[in-house]
Amino acid sequence: MKGGPYTTINDEIGRQIKLLHTKHPELGHEGLRKLMVDSGVMVDKTELKNFMRINRLSPDLARQTYGHVAGEVGTKYG
């Protein structure tokens, strides 16, 4: 998507992002951005990615463990 009127991530938008992340911890910046766009809030994907990195909002970490830690069979470490 090129151009467009993006909403700057201020305190209110930041609270919305954190609330969405709490409700949908499995989503990364692209998934959260899609939810925000669907609700009518246009945010720049780079700005959202940086906001999430600075605020340590990442997808559900339990799904990103190593196989030997999670005990997954058939993985390099399982």
C-alpha atoms as a PDB file:
ATOM      1  CA  MET A   1       0.000   0.000   0.000  1.00  0.00           C
ATOM      2  CA  LYS A   2       1.575   3.289  -1.055  1.00  0.00           C
ATOM      3  CA  GLY A   3       1.044   6.644   0.571  1.00  0.00           C
ATOM      4  CA  GLY A   4      -2.006   7.315   2.640  1.00  0.00           C
ATOM      5  CA  PRO A   5      -2.827   9.206   5.785  1.00  0.00           C
ATOM      6  CA  TYR A   6      -1.061   7.307   8.545  1.00  0.00           C
ATOM      7  CA  THR A   7      -1.891   7.852  12.196  1.00  0.00           C
ATOM      8  CA  THR A   8       1.133   8.625  14.355  1.00  0.00           C
ATOM      9  CA  ILE A   9       1.566   6.247  17.270  1.00  0.00           C
ATOM     10  CA  ASN A  10       0.802   8.464  20.251  1.00  0.00           C
ATOM     11  CA  ASP A  11      -0.211   7.472  23.800  1.00  0.00           C
ATOM     12  CA  GLU A  12      -3.760   6.502  22.798  1.00  0.00           C
ATOM     13  CA  ILE A  13      -2.700   4.446  19.769  1.00  0.00           C
ATOM     14  CA  GLY A  14       0.065   2.884  21.872  1.00  0.00           C
ATOM     15  CA  ARG A  15      -2.521   1.740  24.430  1.00  0.00           C
ATOM     16  CA  GLN A  16      -4.624   0.251  21.618  1.00  0.00           C
ATOM     17  CA  ILE A  17      -1.601  -1.643  20.285  1.00  0.00           C
ATOM     18  CA  LYS A  18      -0.762  -3.013  23.737  1.00  0.00           C
ATOM     19  CA  LEU A  19      -4.396  -4.047  24.279  1.00  0.00           C
ATOM     20  CA  LEU A  20      -4.505  -5.821  20.911  1.00  0.00           C
ATOM     21  CA  HIS A  21      -1.211  -7.536  21.723  1.00  0.00           C
ATOM     22  CA  THR A  22      -2.685  -8.721  25.040  1.00  0.00           C
ATOM     23  CA  LYS A  23      -5.752 -10.112  23.252  1.00  0.00           C
ATOM     24  CA  HIS A  24      -3.743 -11.634  20.385  1.00  0.00           C
ATOM     25  CA  PRO A  25      -0.254 -12.512  21.717  1.00  0.00           C
ATOM     26  CA  GLU A  26       0.423 -14.819  18.777  1.00  0.00           C
ATOM     27  CA  LEU A  27       0.429 -11.945  16.268  1.00  0.00           C
ATOM     28  CA  GLY A  28       3.454  -9.966  15.200  1.00  0.00           C
ATOM     29  CA  HIS A  29       3.527  -6.437  13.812  1.00  0.00           C
ATOM     30  CA  GLU A  30       1.951  -7.445  10.486  1.00  0.00           C
ATOM     31  CA  GLY A  31      -0.997  -9.207  12.138  1.00  0.00           C
ATOM     32  CA  LEU A  32      -1.599  -6.369  14.586  1.00  0.00           C
ATOM     33  CA  ARG A  33      -1.375  -3.820  11.784  1.00  0.00           C
ATOM     34  CA  LYS A  34      -4.021  -5.735   9.830  1.00  0.00           C
ATOM     35  CA  LEU A  35      -6.340  -5.708  12.858  1.00  0.00           C
ATOM     36  CA  MET A  36      -5.798  -1.969  13.272  1.00  0.00           C
ATOM     37  CA  VAL A  37      -6.432  -1.257   9.592  1.00  0.00           C
ATOM     38  CA  ASP A  38      -9.607  -3.362   9.772  1.00  0.00           C
ATOM     39  CA  SER A  39     -10.754  -1.182  12.677  1.00  0.00           C
ATOM     40  CA  GLY A  40     -10.000   2.012  10.715  1.00  0.00           C
ATOM     41  CA  VAL A  41      -6.623   3.010  12.192  1.00  0.00           C
ATOM     42  CA  MET A  42      -3.880   3.323   9.589  1.00  0.00           C
ATOM     43  CA  VAL A  43      -0.381   3.003  11.058  1.00  0.00           C
ATOM     44  CA  ASP A  44       2.914   2.850   9.229  1.00  0.00           C
ATOM     45  CA  LYS A  45       4.302  -0.686   9.367  1.00  0.00           C
ATOM     46  CA  THR A  46       7.856   0.468  10.096  1.00  0.00           C
ATOM     47  CA  GLU A  47       6.685   2.728  12.920  1.00  0.00           C
ATOM     48  CA  LEU A  48       4.587  -0.119  14.370  1.00  0.00           C
ATOM     49  CA  LYS A  49       7.492  -2.565  14.116  1.00  0.00           C
ATOM     50  CA  ASN A  50       9.779  -0.114  15.936  1.00  0.00           C
ATOM     51  CA  PHE A  51       7.116   0.583  18.597  1.00  0.00           C
ATOM     52  CA  MET A  52       6.724  -3.133  19.245  1.00  0.00           C
ATOM     53  CA  ARG A  53      10.492  -3.666  19.428  1.00  0.00           C
ATOM     54  CA  ILE A  54      11.004  -0.748  21.841  1.00  0.00           C
ATOM     55  CA  ASN A  55       8.126  -1.911  24.059  1.00  0.00           C
ATOM     56  CA  ARG A  56       9.218  -5.561  23.857  1.00  0.00           C
ATOM     57  CA  LEU A  57       5.956  -6.721  22.319  1.00  0.00           C
ATOM     58  CA  SER A  58       6.763  -9.875  20.415  1.00  0.00           C
ATOM     59  CA  PRO A  59       4.685 -12.842  19.297  1.00  0.00           C
ATOM     60  CA  ASP A  60       4.009 -15.535  21.873  1.00  0.00           C
ATOM     61  CA  LEU A  61       7.479 -16.643  22.994  1.00  0.00           C
ATOM     62  CA  ALA A  62       6.276 -20.111  23.986  1.00  0.00           C
ATOM     63  CA  ARG A  63       5.929 -20.918  20.287  1.00  0.00           C
ATOM     64  CA  GLN A  64       9.484 -19.766  19.538  1.00  0.00           C
ATOM     65  CA  THR A  65      11.413 -22.080  21.856  1.00  0.00           C
ATOM     66  CA  TYR A  66      14.071 -24.511  20.746  1.00  0.00           C
ATOM     67  CA  GLY A  67      12.937 -28.065  20.155  1.00  0.00           C
ATOM     68  CA  HIS A  68      14.995 -29.508  22.990  1.00  0.00           C
ATOM     69  CA  VAL A  69      13.372 -27.074  25.421  1.00  0.00           C
ATOM     70  CA  ALA A  70       9.839 -27.603  24.157  1.00  0.00           C
ATOM     71  CA  GLY A  71      10.357 -31.358  23.800  1.00  0.00           C
ATOM     72  CA  GLU A  72       9.239 -31.400  20.177  1.00  0.00           C
ATOM     73  CA  VAL A  73       9.903 -34.736  18.487  1.00  0.00           C
ATOM     74  CA  GLY A  74      11.401 -34.750  15.034  1.00  0.00           C
ATOM     75  CA  THR A  75      13.187 -31.430  15.326  1.00  0.00           C
ATOM     76  CA  LYS A  76      16.902 -30.887  15.173  1.00  0.00           C
ATOM     77  CA  TYR A  77      17.103 -30.944  18.974  1.00  0.00           C
ATOM     78  CA  GLY A  78      14.197 -33.281  19.823  1.00  0.00           C
END
